[in-house]
Amino acid sequence: MLQMAESLYSVQEAAAKMGLSEQYLRALLASGEVRGRKLGRDWVILSLDYQRKRRPKTRKGETGVKEGRDEGEGLWTEGSL
């Protein structure tokens, strides 16, 4: 017997509720990261339960010193040639 979901959403409705673009949501549906079913050419979203997987942001111009490397190592200075 087919179980009915509590709420079904179109791509447009789900994208607006989730704060995603429709194109990105379709990619998530195709990869299986968001639960949905394809009916013909349209997607029906079964669950809005999705956790974004973000990379940590780095600030523009931010540099880090690699472990085991001296601060001045590899840098050209006026008297080093």
Protein backbone atom coordinates (compact mmCIF):
# COMPACT_ATOMS: atom_id res chain seq x y z
CA MET A 1 0.00 0.00 0.00
CA LEU A 2 1.27 3.48 -0.89
CA GLN A 3 1.91 5.80 2.06
CA MET A 4 1.12 9.46 1.55
CA ALA A 5 3.59 12.07 2.76
CA GLU A 6 2.32 14.79 5.08
CA SER A 7 3.27 17.56 2.66
CA LEU A 8 4.45 17.59 -0.92
CA TYR A 9 6.25 20.56 -2.41
CA SER A 10 7.04 21.71 -5.92
CA VAL A 11 10.64 22.65 -6.71
CA GLN A 12 9.66 26.33 -6.62
CA GLU A 13 7.95 26.07 -3.21
CA ALA A 14 10.69 23.95 -1.64
CA ALA A 15 13.50 26.15 -2.98
CA ALA A 16 11.86 29.25 -1.49
CA LYS A 17 11.34 27.56 1.90
CA MET A 18 14.86 26.14 1.98
CA GLY A 19 16.60 29.30 0.76
CA LEU A 20 18.11 27.56 -2.28
CA SER A 21 17.96 28.23 -5.99
CA GLU A 22 15.67 25.97 -8.00
CA GLN A 23 18.61 24.80 -10.12
CA TYR A 24 20.66 23.83 -7.06
CA LEU A 25 17.68 22.05 -5.51
CA ARG A 26 17.20 20.01 -8.70
CA ALA A 27 20.88 18.99 -8.52
CA LEU A 28 20.41 17.91 -4.89
CA LEU A 29 17.34 15.89 -5.87
CA ALA A 30 19.20 14.19 -8.71
CA SER A 31 22.09 13.27 -6.39
CA GLY A 32 19.74 11.97 -3.70
CA GLU A 33 20.75 14.52 -1.05
CA VAL A 34 17.13 15.76 -0.88
CA ARG A 35 14.26 13.27 -0.85
CA GLY A 36 11.95 13.58 -3.83
CA ARG A 37 10.32 11.74 -6.70
CA LYS A 38 10.38 12.56 -10.36
CA LEU A 39 6.92 12.46 -11.91
CA GLY A 40 7.34 12.76 -15.64
CA ARG A 41 9.66 15.74 -16.07
CA ASP A 42 8.78 17.41 -12.75
CA TRP A 43 10.13 16.79 -9.26
CA VAL A 44 7.96 16.48 -6.15
CA ILE A 45 9.85 17.12 -2.94
CA LEU A 46 8.92 14.76 -0.11
CA SER A 47 10.99 16.29 2.67
CA LEU A 48 12.51 19.70 3.36
CA ASP A 49 15.03 18.04 5.67
CA TYR A 50 18.43 19.02 4.27
CA GLN A 51 21.69 19.96 6.00
CA ARG A 52 24.00 22.18 3.99
CA LYS A 53 27.55 20.97 3.72
CA ARG A 54 29.62 24.14 3.70
CA ARG A 55 33.34 24.54 3.57
CA PRO A 56 34.87 26.87 6.13
CA LYS A 57 35.22 30.34 4.67
CA THR A 58 38.58 32.05 4.47
CA ARG A 59 38.92 35.77 4.27
CA LYS A 60 40.37 37.38 1.20
CA GLY A 61 44.09 37.93 1.64
CA GLU A 62 44.28 35.65 4.69
CA THR A 63 47.41 33.51 4.78
CA GLY A 64 48.48 30.85 7.19
CA VAL A 65 51.94 29.69 8.12
CA LYS A 66 52.39 26.01 7.34
CA GLU A 67 53.51 23.76 10.17
CA GLY A 68 57.25 23.22 10.33
CA ARG A 69 58.06 26.19 8.12
CA ASP A 70 60.05 29.18 9.32
CA GLU A 71 58.31 32.50 8.83
CA GLY A 72 60.97 33.92 6.51
CA GLU A 73 61.81 30.73 4.66
CA GLY A 74 61.43 30.95 0.91
CA LEU A 75 60.99 34.71 0.84
CA TRP A 76 63.19 36.95 -1.29
CA THR A 77 64.86 39.81 0.50
CA GLU A 78 67.20 42.45 -0.81
CA GLY A 79 70.42 40.88 0.48
CA SER A 80 69.53 37.25 -0.25
CA LEU A 81 70.86 36.99 -3.83
